[in-house]
Amino acid sequence: LVKTYSGGMVRRLEIACAMLIKPKIMFLDEPTIGLDPSAKKVVWEKLT
């Protein structure tokens, strides 16, 4: 259940949802706000 996820895991799940259709453009409003440095790094590695 998502309620058992950490904040960083929830944000990664939201980005996974956005990646599903391989969009031409992704709009991200504060994609890593509130995440710790290691979680931020993971998100940006995946996005890059």
ModelCIF file with pLDDT and N, C-alpha, C, O atoms, coordinates in Angstrom:
data_MODEL
#
_entry.id   MODEL 
#
_entity.id                         1 
_entity.type                       polymer 
_entity.pdbx_number_of_molecules   1 
#
_entity_poly.entity_id                      1 
_entity_poly.type                           'polypeptide(L)' 
_entity_poly.nstd_linkage                   no 
_entity_poly.nstd_monomer                   no 
_entity_poly.pdbx_seq_one_letter_code       LVKTYSGGMVRRLEIACAMLIKPKIMFLDEPTIGLDPSAKKVVWEKLT 
_entity_poly.pdbx_seq_one_letter_code_can   LVKTYSGGMVRRLEIACAMLIKPKIMFLDEPTIGLDPSAKKVVWEKLT 
_entity_poly.pdbx_strand_id                 A 
#
loop_
_entity_poly_seq.entity_id 
_entity_poly_seq.num 
_entity_poly_seq.mon_id 
_entity_poly_seq.hetero 
1 1  LEU n 
1 2  VAL n 
1 3  LYS n 
1 4  THR n 
1 5  TYR n 
1 6  SER n 
1 7  GLY n 
1 8  GLY n 
1 9  MET n 
1 10 VAL n 
1 11 ARG n 
1 12 ARG n 
1 13 LEU n 
1 14 GLU n 
1 15 ILE n 
1 16 ALA n 
1 17 CYS n 
1 18 ALA n 
1 19 MET n 
1 20 LEU n 
1 21 ILE n 
1 22 LYS n 
1 23 PRO n 
1 24 LYS n 
1 25 ILE n 
1 26 MET n 
1 27 PHE n 
1 28 LEU n 
1 29 ASP n 
1 30 GLU n 
1 31 PRO n 
1 32 THR n 
1 33 ILE n 
1 34 GLY n 
1 35 LEU n 
1 36 ASP n 
1 37 PRO n 
1 38 SER n 
1 39 ALA n 
1 40 LYS n 
1 41 LYS n 
1 42 VAL n 
1 43 VAL n 
1 44 TRP n 
1 45 GLU n 
1 46 LYS n 
1 47 LEU n 
1 48 THR n 
#
_struct_asym.id          A 
_struct_asym.entity_id   1 
#
loop_
_ma_qa_metric.id 
_ma_qa_metric.mode 
_ma_qa_metric.name 
_ma_qa_metric.software_group_id 
_ma_qa_metric.type 
1 global pLDDT . pLDDT 
2 local  pLDDT . pLDDT 
#
_ma_qa_metric_global.metric_id      1 
_ma_qa_metric_global.metric_value   89.79 
_ma_qa_metric_global.model_id       1 
_ma_qa_metric_global.ordinal_id     1 
#
loop_
_ma_qa_metric_local.label_asym_id 
_ma_qa_metric_local.label_comp_id 
_ma_qa_metric_local.label_seq_id 
_ma_qa_metric_local.metric_id 
_ma_qa_metric_local.metric_value 
_ma_qa_metric_local.model_id 
_ma_qa_metric_local.ordinal_id 
A LEU 1  2 96.00 1 1  
A VAL 2  2 94.00 1 2  
A LYS 3  2 92.00 1 3  
A THR 4  2 93.00 1 4  
A TYR 5  2 92.00 1 5  
A SER 6  2 87.00 1 6  
A GLY 7  2 84.00 1 7  
A GLY 8  2 85.00 1 8  
A MET 9  2 89.00 1 9  
A VAL 10 2 91.00 1 10 
A ARG 11 2 89.00 1 11 
A ARG 12 2 90.00 1 12 
A LEU 13 2 94.00 1 13 
A GLU 14 2 93.00 1 14 
A ILE 15 2 92.00 1 15 
A ALA 16 2 92.00 1 16 
A CYS 17 2 93.00 1 17 
A ALA 18 2 92.00 1 18 
A MET 19 2 89.00 1 19 
A LEU 20 2 89.00 1 20 
A ILE 21 2 86.00 1 21 
A LYS 22 2 89.00 1 22 
A PRO 23 2 94.00 1 23 
A LYS 24 2 96.00 1 24 
A ILE 25 2 97.00 1 25 
A MET 26 2 97.00 1 26 
A PHE 27 2 97.00 1 27 
A LEU 28 2 96.00 1 28 
A ASP 29 2 93.00 1 29 
A GLU 30 2 90.00 1 30 
A PRO 31 2 90.00 1 31 
A THR 32 2 88.00 1 32 
A ILE 33 2 82.00 1 33 
A GLY 34 2 76.00 1 34 
A LEU 35 2 81.00 1 35 
A ASP 36 2 82.00 1 36 
A PRO 37 2 87.00 1 37 
A SER 38 2 85.00 1 38 
A ALA 39 2 83.00 1 39 
A LYS 40 2 87.00 1 40 
A LYS 41 2 89.00 1 41 
A VAL 42 2 85.00 1 42 
A VAL 43 2 88.00 1 43 
A TRP 44 2 92.00 1 44 
A GLU 45 2 91.00 1 45 
A LYS 46 2 88.00 1 46 
A LEU 47 2 92.00 1 47 
A THR 48 2 93.00 1 48 
#
loop_
_atom_site.group_PDB 
_atom_site.id 
_atom_site.type_symbol 
_atom_site.label_atom_id 
_atom_site.label_alt_id 
_atom_site.label_comp_id 
_atom_site.label_asym_id 
_atom_site.label_entity_id 
_atom_site.label_seq_id 
_atom_site.pdbx_PDB_ins_code 
_atom_site.Cartn_x 
_atom_site.Cartn_y 
_atom_site.Cartn_z 
_atom_site.occupancy 
_atom_site.B_iso_or_equiv 
_atom_site.pdbx_formal_charge 
_atom_site.auth_seq_id 
_atom_site.auth_comp_id 
_atom_site.auth_asym_id 
_atom_site.auth_atom_id 
_atom_site.pdbx_PDB_model_num 
ATOM 1   N N  . LEU A 1 1  ? 0.841  -1.194 0.000   1.00 96.00 ? 1  LEU A N  1 
ATOM 2   C CA . LEU A 1 1  ? 0.000  0.000  0.000   1.00 96.00 ? 1  LEU A CA 1 
ATOM 3   C C  . LEU A 1 1  ? 0.881  1.250  0.000   1.00 96.00 ? 1  LEU A C  1 
ATOM 4   O O  . LEU A 1 1  ? 1.912  1.289  0.671   1.00 96.00 ? 1  LEU A O  1 
ATOM 5   N N  . VAL A 1 2  ? 0.478  2.248  -0.740  1.00 94.00 ? 2  VAL A N  1 
ATOM 6   C CA . VAL A 1 2  ? 1.273  3.467  -0.864  1.00 94.00 ? 2  VAL A CA 1 
ATOM 7   C C  . VAL A 1 2  ? 1.399  4.190  0.479   1.00 94.00 ? 2  VAL A C  1 
ATOM 8   O O  . VAL A 1 2  ? 2.380  4.900  0.700   1.00 94.00 ? 2  VAL A O  1 
ATOM 9   N N  . LYS A 1 3  ? 0.432  4.022  1.373   1.00 92.00 ? 3  LYS A N  1 
ATOM 10  C CA . LYS A 1 3  ? 0.513  4.673  2.686   1.00 92.00 ? 3  LYS A CA 1 
ATOM 11  C C  . LYS A 1 3  ? 1.697  4.158  3.504   1.00 92.00 ? 3  LYS A C  1 
ATOM 12  O O  . LYS A 1 3  ? 2.082  4.788  4.489   1.00 92.00 ? 3  LYS A O  1 
ATOM 13  N N  . THR A 1 4  ? 2.277  3.024  3.111   1.00 93.00 ? 4  THR A N  1 
ATOM 14  C CA . THR A 1 4  ? 3.457  2.499  3.799   1.00 93.00 ? 4  THR A CA 1 
ATOM 15  C C  . THR A 1 4  ? 4.758  2.998  3.179   1.00 93.00 ? 4  THR A C  1 
ATOM 16  O O  . THR A 1 4  ? 5.835  2.720  3.706   1.00 93.00 ? 4  THR A O  1 
ATOM 17  N N  . TYR A 1 5  ? 4.675  3.730  2.073   1.00 92.00 ? 5  TYR A N  1 
ATOM 18  C CA . TYR A 1 5  ? 5.866  4.231  1.391   1.00 92.00 ? 5  TYR A CA 1 
ATOM 19  C C  . TYR A 1 5  ? 6.439  5.440  2.131   1.00 92.00 ? 5  TYR A C  1 
ATOM 20  O O  . TYR A 1 5  ? 5.716  6.153  2.826   1.00 92.00 ? 5  TYR A O  1 
ATOM 21  N N  . SER A 1 6  ? 7.729  5.657  1.975   1.00 87.00 ? 6  SER A N  1 
ATOM 22  C CA . SER A 1 6  ? 8.350  6.892  2.445   1.00 87.00 ? 6  SER A CA 1 
ATOM 23  C C  . SER A 1 6  ? 7.978  8.022  1.486   1.00 87.00 ? 6  SER A C  1 
ATOM 24  O O  . SER A 1 6  ? 7.446  7.781  0.403   1.00 87.00 ? 6  SER A O  1 
ATOM 25  N N  . GLY A 1 7  ? 8.269  9.276  1.906   1.00 84.00 ? 7  GLY A N  1 
ATOM 26  C CA . GLY A 1 7  ? 7.977  10.407 1.042   1.00 84.00 ? 7  GLY A CA 1 
ATOM 27  C C  . GLY A 1 7  ? 8.701  10.322 -0.288  1.00 84.00 ? 7  GLY A C  1 
ATOM 28  O O  . GLY A 1 7  ? 8.139  10.662 -1.329  1.00 84.00 ? 7  GLY A O  1 
ATOM 29  N N  . GLY A 1 8  ? 9.952  9.865  -0.257  1.00 85.00 ? 8  GLY A N  1 
ATOM 30  C CA . GLY A 1 8  ? 10.721 9.735  -1.487  1.00 85.00 ? 8  GLY A CA 1 
ATOM 31  C C  . GLY A 1 8  ? 10.153 8.670  -2.406  1.00 85.00 ? 8  GLY A C  1 
ATOM 32  O O  . GLY A 1 8  ? 10.146 8.842  -3.625  1.00 85.00 ? 8  GLY A O  1 
ATOM 33  N N  . MET A 1 9  ? 9.680  7.577  -1.839  1.00 89.00 ? 9  MET A N  1 
ATOM 34  C CA . MET A 1 9  ? 9.085  6.507  -2.637  1.00 89.00 ? 9  MET A CA 1 
ATOM 35  C C  . MET A 1 9  ? 7.788  6.965  -3.291  1.00 89.00 ? 9  MET A C  1 
ATOM 36  O O  . MET A 1 9  ? 7.505  6.613  -4.437  1.00 89.00 ? 9  MET A O  1 
ATOM 37  N N  . VAL A 1 10 ? 6.996  7.755  -2.557  1.00 91.00 ? 10 VAL A N  1 
ATOM 38  C CA . VAL A 1 10 ? 5.750  8.284  -3.127  1.00 91.00 ? 10 VAL A CA 1 
ATOM 39  C C  . VAL A 1 10 ? 6.062  9.172  -4.328  1.00 91.00 ? 10 VAL A C  1 
ATOM 40  O O  . VAL A 1 10 ? 5.407  9.079  -5.365  1.00 91.00 ? 10 VAL A O  1 
ATOM 41  N N  . ARG A 1 11 ? 7.072  10.035 -4.178  1.00 89.00 ? 11 ARG A N  1 
ATOM 42  C CA . ARG A 1 11 ? 7.409  10.929 -5.289  1.00 89.00 ? 11 ARG A CA 1 
ATOM 43  C C  . ARG A 1 11 ? 7.907  10.135 -6.484  1.00 89.00 ? 11 ARG A C  1 
ATOM 44  O O  . ARG A 1 11 ? 7.591  10.470 -7.626  1.00 89.00 ? 11 ARG A O  1 
ATOM 45  N N  . ARG A 1 12 ? 8.686  9.081  -6.235  1.00 90.00 ? 12 ARG A N  1 
ATOM 46  C CA . ARG A 1 12 ? 9.151  8.243  -7.347  1.00 90.00 ? 12 ARG A CA 1 
ATOM 47  C C  . ARG A 1 12 ? 7.987  7.527  -8.023  1.00 90.00 ? 12 ARG A C  1 
ATOM 48  O O  . ARG A 1 12 ? 7.994  7.331  -9.238  1.00 90.00 ? 12 ARG A O  1 
ATOM 49  N N  . LEU A 1 13 ? 6.989  7.137  -7.236  1.00 94.00 ? 13 LEU A N  1 
ATOM 50  C CA . LEU A 1 13 ? 5.806  6.504  -7.819  1.00 94.00 ? 13 LEU A CA 1 
ATOM 51  C C  . LEU A 1 13 ? 5.059  7.491  -8.704  1.00 94.00 ? 13 LEU A C  1 
ATOM 52  O O  . LEU A 1 13 ? 4.608  7.132  -9.792  1.00 94.00 ? 13 LEU A O  1 
ATOM 53  N N  . GLU A 1 14 ? 4.924  8.730  -8.247  1.00 93.00 ? 14 GLU A N  1 
ATOM 54  C CA . GLU A 1 14 ? 4.241  9.743  -9.051  1.00 93.00 ? 14 GLU A CA 1 
ATOM 55  C C  . GLU A 1 14 ? 4.974  9.971  -10.372 1.00 93.00 ? 14 GLU A C  1 
ATOM 56  O O  . GLU A 1 14 ? 4.349  10.128 -11.421 1.00 93.00 ? 14 GLU A O  1 
ATOM 57  N N  . ILE A 1 15 ? 6.298  9.986  -10.310 1.00 92.00 ? 15 ILE A N  1 
ATOM 58  C CA . ILE A 1 15 ? 7.070  10.175 -11.541 1.00 92.00 ? 15 ILE A CA 1 
ATOM 59  C C  . ILE A 1 15 ? 6.961  8.944  -12.430 1.00 92.00 ? 15 ILE A C  1 
ATOM 60  O O  . ILE A 1 15 ? 6.920  9.074  -13.653 1.00 92.00 ? 15 ILE A O  1 
ATOM 61  N N  . ALA A 1 16 ? 6.914  7.739  -11.836 1.00 92.00 ? 16 ALA A N  1 
ATOM 62  C CA . ALA A 1 16 ? 6.707  6.516  -12.623 1.00 92.00 ? 16 ALA A CA 1 
ATOM 63  C C  . ALA A 1 16 ? 5.381  6.587  -13.372 1.00 92.00 ? 16 ALA A C  1 
ATOM 64  O O  . ALA A 1 16 ? 5.297  6.192  -14.535 1.00 92.00 ? 16 ALA A O  1 
ATOM 65  N N  . CYS A 1 17 ? 4.341  7.093  -12.703 1.00 93.00 ? 17 CYS A N  1 
ATOM 66  C CA . CYS A 1 17 ? 3.038  7.259  -13.370 1.00 93.00 ? 17 CYS A CA 1 
ATOM 67  C C  . CYS A 1 17 ? 3.161  8.194  -14.570 1.00 93.00 ? 17 CYS A C  1 
ATOM 68  O O  . CYS A 1 17 ? 2.563  7.955  -15.619 1.00 93.00 ? 17 CYS A O  1 
ATOM 69  N N  . ALA A 1 18 ? 3.940  9.260  -14.405 1.00 92.00 ? 18 ALA A N  1 
ATOM 70  C CA . ALA A 1 18 ? 4.116  10.228 -15.487 1.00 92.00 ? 18 ALA A CA 1 
ATOM 71  C C  . ALA A 1 18 ? 4.935  9.669  -16.635 1.00 92.00 ? 18 ALA A C  1 
ATOM 72  O O  . ALA A 1 18 ? 4.807  10.129 -17.769 1.00 92.00 ? 18 ALA A O  1 
ATOM 73  N N  . MET A 1 19 ? 5.783  8.674  -16.354 1.00 89.00 ? 19 MET A N  1 
ATOM 74  C CA . MET A 1 19 ? 6.628  8.080  -17.384 1.00 89.00 ? 19 MET A CA 1 
ATOM 75  C C  . MET A 1 19 ? 5.920  7.013  -18.213 1.00 89.00 ? 19 MET A C  1 
ATOM 76  O O  . MET A 1 19 ? 6.436  6.596  -19.251 1.00 89.00 ? 19 MET A O  1 
ATOM 77  N N  . LEU A 1 20 ? 4.758  6.570  -17.776 1.00 89.00 ? 20 LEU A N  1 
ATOM 78  C CA . LEU A 1 20 ? 4.104  5.419  -18.399 1.00 89.00 ? 20 LEU A CA 1 
ATOM 79  C C  . LEU A 1 20 ? 3.974  5.529  -19.905 1.00 89.00 ? 20 LEU A C  1 
ATOM 80  O O  . LEU A 1 20 ? 4.247  4.572  -20.629 1.00 89.00 ? 20 LEU A O  1 
ATOM 81  N N  . ILE A 1 21 ? 3.558  6.691  -20.377 1.00 86.00 ? 21 ILE A N  1 
ATOM 82  C CA . ILE A 1 21 ? 3.246  6.816  -21.811 1.00 86.00 ? 21 ILE A CA 1 
ATOM 83  C C  . ILE A 1 21 ? 4.432  7.317  -22.631 1.00 86.00 ? 21 ILE A C  1 
ATOM 84  O O  . ILE A 1 21 ? 4.278  7.616  -23.815 1.00 86.00 ? 21 ILE A O  1 
ATOM 85  N N  . LYS A 1 22 ? 5.616  7.412  -22.016 1.00 89.00 ? 22 LYS A N  1 
ATOM 86  C CA . LYS A 1 22 ? 6.786  7.959  -22.710 1.00 89.00 ? 22 LYS A CA 1 
ATOM 87  C C  . LYS A 1 22 ? 6.415  9.299  -23.357 1.00 89.00 ? 22 LYS A C  1 
ATOM 88  O O  . LYS A 1 22 ? 6.469  9.427  -24.580 1.00 89.00 ? 22 LYS A O  1 
ATOM 89  N N  . PRO A 1 23 ? 6.040  10.298 -22.549 1.00 94.00 ? 23 PRO A N  1 
ATOM 90  C CA . PRO A 1 23 ? 5.549  11.567 -23.097 1.00 94.00 ? 23 PRO A CA 1 
ATOM 91  C C  . PRO A 1 23 ? 6.633  12.312 -23.864 1.00 94.00 ? 23 PRO A C  1 
ATOM 92  O O  . PRO A 1 23 ? 7.823  12.048 -23.689 1.00 94.00 ? 23 PRO A O  1 
ATOM 93  N N  . LYS A 1 24 ? 6.213  13.243 -24.712 1.00 96.00 ? 24 LYS A N  1 
ATOM 94  C CA . LYS A 1 24 ? 7.178  14.088 -25.404 1.00 96.00 ? 24 LYS A CA 1 
ATOM 95  C C  . LYS A 1 24 ? 7.729  15.155 -24.456 1.00 96.00 ? 24 LYS A C  1 
ATOM 96  O O  . LYS A 1 24 ? 8.856  15.622 -24.621 1.00 96.00 ? 24 LYS A O  1 
ATOM 97  N N  . ILE A 1 25 ? 6.925  15.533 -23.466 1.00 97.00 ? 25 ILE A N  1 
ATOM 98  C CA . ILE A 1 25 ? 7.367  16.534 -22.501 1.00 97.00 ? 25 ILE A CA 1 
ATOM 99  C C  . ILE A 1 25 ? 6.765  16.217 -21.138 1.00 97.00 ? 25 ILE A C  1 
ATOM 100 O O  . ILE A 1 25 ? 5.584  15.886 -21.026 1.00 97.00 ? 25 ILE A O  1 
ATOM 101 N N  . MET A 1 26 ? 7.596  16.324 -20.107 1.00 97.00 ? 26 MET A N  1 
ATOM 102 C CA . MET A 1 26 ? 7.150  16.155 -18.724 1.00 97.00 ? 26 MET A CA 1 
ATOM 103 C C  . MET A 1 26 ? 7.184  17.504 -18.027 1.00 97.00 ? 26 MET A C  1 
ATOM 104 O O  . MET A 1 26 ? 8.193  18.208 -18.072 1.00 97.00 ? 26 MET A O  1 
ATOM 105 N N  . PHE A 1 27 ? 6.081  17.864 -17.385 1.00 97.00 ? 27 PHE A N  1 
ATOM 106 C CA . PHE A 1 27 ? 6.013  19.067 -16.569 1.00 97.00 ? 27 PHE A CA 1 
ATOM 107 C C  . PHE A 1 27 ? 6.063  18.644 -15.101 1.00 97.00 ? 27 PHE A C  1 
ATOM 108 O O  . PHE A 1 27 ? 5.220  17.876 -14.639 1.00 97.00 ? 27 PHE A O  1 
ATOM 109 N N  . LEU A 1 28 ? 7.050  19.148 -14.382 1.00 96.00 ? 28 LEU A N  1 
ATOM 110 C CA . LEU A 1 28 ? 7.277  18.744 -12.992 1.00 96.00 ? 28 LEU A CA 1 
ATOM 111 C C  . LEU A 1 28 ? 7.245  19.981 -12.105 1.00 96.00 ? 28 LEU A C  1 
ATOM 112 O O  . LEU A 1 28 ? 8.096  20.862 -12.225 1.00 96.00 ? 28 LEU A O  1 
ATOM 113 N N  . ASP A 1 29 ? 6.265  20.041 -11.219 1.00 93.00 ? 29 ASP A N  1 
ATOM 114 C CA . ASP A 1 29 ? 6.121  21.173 -10.311 1.00 93.00 ? 29 ASP A CA 1 
ATOM 115 C C  . ASP A 1 29 ? 6.747  20.796 -8.971  1.00 93.00 ? 29 ASP A C  1 
ATOM 116 O O  . ASP A 1 29 ? 6.147  20.066 -8.183  1.00 93.00 ? 29 ASP A O  1 
ATOM 117 N N  . GLU A 1 30 ? 7.958  21.298 -8.718  1.00 90.00 ? 30 GLU A N  1 
ATOM 118 C CA . GLU A 1 30 ? 8.711  20.972 -7.500  1.00 90.00 ? 30 GLU A CA 1 
ATOM 119 C C  . GLU A 1 30 ? 8.873  19.452 -7.349  1.00 90.00 ? 30 GLU A C  1 
ATOM 120 O O  . GLU A 1 30 ? 8.361  18.880 -6.386  1.00 90.00 ? 30 GLU A O  1 
ATOM 121 N N  . PRO A 1 31 ? 9.571  18.789 -8.275  1.00 90.00 ? 31 PRO A N  1 
ATOM 122 C CA . PRO A 1 31 ? 9.603  17.317 -8.283  1.00 90.00 ? 31 PRO A CA 1 
ATOM 123 C C  . PRO A 1 31 ? 10.221 16.665 -7.061  1.00 90.00 ? 31 PRO A C  1 
ATOM 124 O O  . PRO A 1 31 ? 9.894  15.521 -6.747  1.00 90.00 ? 31 PRO A O  1 
ATOM 125 N N  . THR A 1 32 ? 11.107 17.364 -6.361  1.00 88.00 ? 32 THR A N  1 
ATOM 126 C CA . THR A 1 32 ? 11.762 16.723 -5.205  1.00 88.00 ? 32 THR A CA 1 
ATOM 127 C C  . THR A 1 32 ? 11.587 17.524 -3.926  1.00 88.00 ? 32 THR A C  1 
ATOM 128 O O  . THR A 1 32 ? 12.392 17.391 -3.005  1.00 88.00 ? 32 THR A O  1 
ATOM 129 N N  . ILE A 1 33 ? 10.562 18.345 -3.849  1.00 82.00 ? 33 ILE A N  1 
ATOM 130 C CA . ILE A 1 33 ? 10.391 19.192 -2.679  1.00 82.00 ? 33 ILE A CA 1 
ATOM 131 C C  . ILE A 1 33 ? 10.219 18.341 -1.417  1.00 82.00 ? 33 ILE A C  1 
ATOM 132 O O  . ILE A 1 33 ? 9.389  17.433 -1.371  1.00 82.00 ? 33 ILE A O  1 
ATOM 133 N N  . GLY A 1 34 ? 11.019 18.654 -0.399  1.00 76.00 ? 34 GLY A N  1 
ATOM 134 C CA . GLY A 1 34 ? 10.935 17.957 0.874   1.00 76.00 ? 34 GLY A CA 1 
ATOM 135 C C  . GLY A 1 34 ? 11.680 16.638 0.952   1.00 76.00 ? 34 GLY A C  1 
ATOM 136 O O  . GLY A 1 34 ? 11.693 16.010 2.011   1.00 76.00 ? 34 GLY A O  1 
ATOM 137 N N  . LEU A 1 35 ? 12.304 16.194 -0.142  1.00 81.00 ? 35 LEU A N  1 
ATOM 138 C CA . LEU A 1 35 ? 13.027 14.924 -0.104  1.00 81.00 ? 35 LEU A CA 1 
ATOM 139 C C  . LEU A 1 35 ? 14.443 15.126 0.448   1.00 81.00 ? 35 LEU A C  1 
ATOM 140 O O  . LEU A 1 35 ? 15.024 16.203 0.315   1.00 81.00 ? 35 LEU A O  1 
ATOM 141 N N  . ASP A 1 36 ? 14.983 14.081 1.062   1.00 82.00 ? 36 ASP A N  1 
ATOM 142 C CA . ASP A 1 36 ? 16.359 14.172 1.555   1.00 82.00 ? 36 ASP A CA 1 
ATOM 143 C C  . ASP A 1 36 ? 17.317 14.086 0.372   1.00 82.00 ? 36 ASP A C  1 
ATOM 144 O O  . ASP A 1 36 ? 16.913 13.660 -0.710  1.00 82.00 ? 36 ASP A O  1 
ATOM 145 N N  . PRO A 1 37 ? 18.582 14.483 0.553   1.00 87.00 ? 37 PRO A N  1 
ATOM 146 C CA . PRO A 1 37 ? 19.523 14.542 -0.568  1.00 87.00 ? 37 PRO A CA 1 
ATOM 147 C C  . PRO A 1 37 ? 19.668 13.241 -1.347  1.00 87.00 ? 37 PRO A C  1 
ATOM 148 O O  . PRO A 1 37 ? 19.773 13.266 -2.574  1.00 87.00 ? 37 PRO A O  1 
ATOM 149 N N  . SER A 1 38 ? 19.677 12.096 -0.649  1.00 85.00 ? 38 SER A N  1 
ATOM 150 C CA . SER A 1 38 ? 19.832 10.830 -1.364  1.00 85.00 ? 38 SER A CA 1 
ATOM 151 C C  . SER A 1 38 ? 18.604 10.526 -2.213  1.00 85.00 ? 38 SER A C  1 
ATOM 152 O O  . SER A 1 38 ? 18.738 10.021 -3.327  1.00 85.00 ? 38 SER A O  1 
ATOM 153 N N  . ALA A 1 39 ? 17.412 10.823 -1.707  1.00 83.00 ? 39 ALA A N  1 
ATOM 154 C CA . ALA A 1 39 ? 16.190 10.600 -2.480  1.00 83.00 ? 39 ALA A CA 1 
ATOM 155 C C  . ALA A 1 39 ? 16.131 11.537 -3.681  1.00 83.00 ? 39 ALA A C  1 
ATOM 156 O O  . ALA A 1 39 ? 15.705 11.133 -4.764  1.00 83.00 ? 39 ALA A O  1 
ATOM 157 N N  . LYS A 1 40 ? 16.557 12.790 -3.495  1.00 87.00 ? 40 LYS A N  1 
ATOM 158 C CA . LYS A 1 40 ? 16.612 13.735 -4.609  1.00 87.00 ? 40 LYS A CA 1 
ATOM 159 C C  . LYS A 1 40 ? 17.533 13.229 -5.706  1.00 87.00 ? 40 LYS A C  1 
ATOM 160 O O  . LYS A 1 40 ? 17.211 13.309 -6.892  1.00 87.00 ? 40 LYS A O  1 
ATOM 161 N N  . LYS A 1 41 ? 18.678 12.710 -5.300  1.00 89.00 ? 41 LYS A N  1 
ATOM 162 C CA . LYS A 1 41 ? 19.661 12.225 -6.273  1.00 89.00 ? 41 LYS A CA 1 
ATOM 163 C C  . LYS A 1 41 ? 19.093 11.061 -7.086  1.00 89.00 ? 41 LYS A C  1 
ATOM 164 O O  . LYS A 1 41 ? 19.281 11.000 -8.301  1.00 89.00 ? 41 LYS A O  1 
ATOM 165 N N  . VAL A 1 42 ? 18.405 10.147 -6.421  1.00 85.00 ? 42 VAL A N  1 
ATOM 166 C CA . VAL A 1 42 ? 17.803 9.005  -7.116  1.00 85.00 ? 42 VAL A CA 1 
ATOM 167 C C  . VAL A 1 42 ? 16.782 9.486  -8.152  1.00 85.00 ? 42 VAL A C  1 
ATOM 168 O O  . VAL A 1 42 ? 16.788 9.032  -9.297  1.00 85.00 ? 42 VAL A O  1 
ATOM 169 N N  . VAL A 1 43 ? 15.907 10.407 -7.740  1.00 88.00 ? 43 VAL A N  1 
ATOM 170 C CA . VAL A 1 43 ? 14.879 10.918 -8.654  1.00 88.00 ? 43 VAL A CA 1 
ATOM 171 C C  . VAL A 1 43 ? 15.518 11.544 -9.886  1.00 88.00 ? 43 VAL A C  1 
ATOM 172 O O  . VAL A 1 43 ? 15.085 11.291 -11.010 1.00 88.00 ? 43 VAL A O  1 
ATOM 173 N N  . TRP A 1 44 ? 16.546 12.359 -9.678  1.00 92.00 ? 44 TRP A N  1 
ATOM 174 C CA . TRP A 1 44 ? 17.151 13.044 -10.823 1.00 92.00 ? 44 TRP A CA 1 
ATOM 175 C C  . TRP A 1 44 ? 17.981 12.104 -11.694 1.00 92.00 ? 44 TRP A C  1 
ATOM 176 O O  . TRP A 1 44 ? 18.077 12.320 -12.902 1.00 92.00 ? 44 TRP A O  1 
ATOM 177 N N  . GLU A 1 45 ? 18.572 11.088 -11.121 1.00 91.00 ? 45 GLU A N  1 
ATOM 178 C CA . GLU A 1 45 ? 19.268 10.092 -11.937 1.00 91.00 ? 45 GLU A CA 1 
ATOM 179 C C  . GLU A 1 45 ? 18.286 9.401  -12.868 1.00 91.00 ? 45 GLU A C  1 
ATOM 180 O O  . GLU A 1 45 ? 18.585 9.182  -14.042 1.00 91.00 ? 45 GLU A O  1 
ATOM 181 N N  . LYS A 1 46 ? 17.112 9.056  -12.343 1.00 88.00 ? 46 LYS A N  1 
ATOM 182 C CA . LYS A 1 46 ? 16.098 8.384  -13.155 1.00 88.00 ? 46 LYS A CA 1 
ATOM 183 C C  . LYS A 1 46 ? 15.554 9.319  -14.230 1.00 88.00 ? 46 LYS A C  1 
ATOM 184 O O  . LYS A 1 46 ? 15.389 8.920  -15.382 1.00 88.00 ? 46 LYS A O  1 
ATOM 185 N N  . LEU A 1 47 ? 15.277 10.566 -13.848 1.00 92.00 ? 47 LEU A N  1 
ATOM 186 C CA . LEU A 1 47 ? 14.752 11.530 -14.818 1.00 92.00 ? 47 LEU A CA 1 
ATOM 187 C C  . LEU A 1 47 ? 15.770 11.800 -15.935 1.00 92.00 ? 47 LEU A C  1 
ATOM 188 O O  . LEU A 1 47 ? 15.403 11.875 -17.108 1.00 92.00 ? 47 LEU A O  1 
ATOM 189 N N  . THR A 1 48 ? 17.036 11.944 -15.569 1.00 93.00 ? 48 THR A N  1 
ATOM 190 C CA . THR A 1 48 ? 18.076 12.209 -16.567 1.00 93.00 ? 48 THR A CA 1 
ATOM 191 C C  . THR A 1 48 ? 18.224 11.033 -17.522 1.00 93.00 ? 48 THR A C  1 
ATOM 192 O O  . THR A 1 48 ? 19.054 11.076 -18.430 1.00 93.00 ? 48 THR A O  1 
#
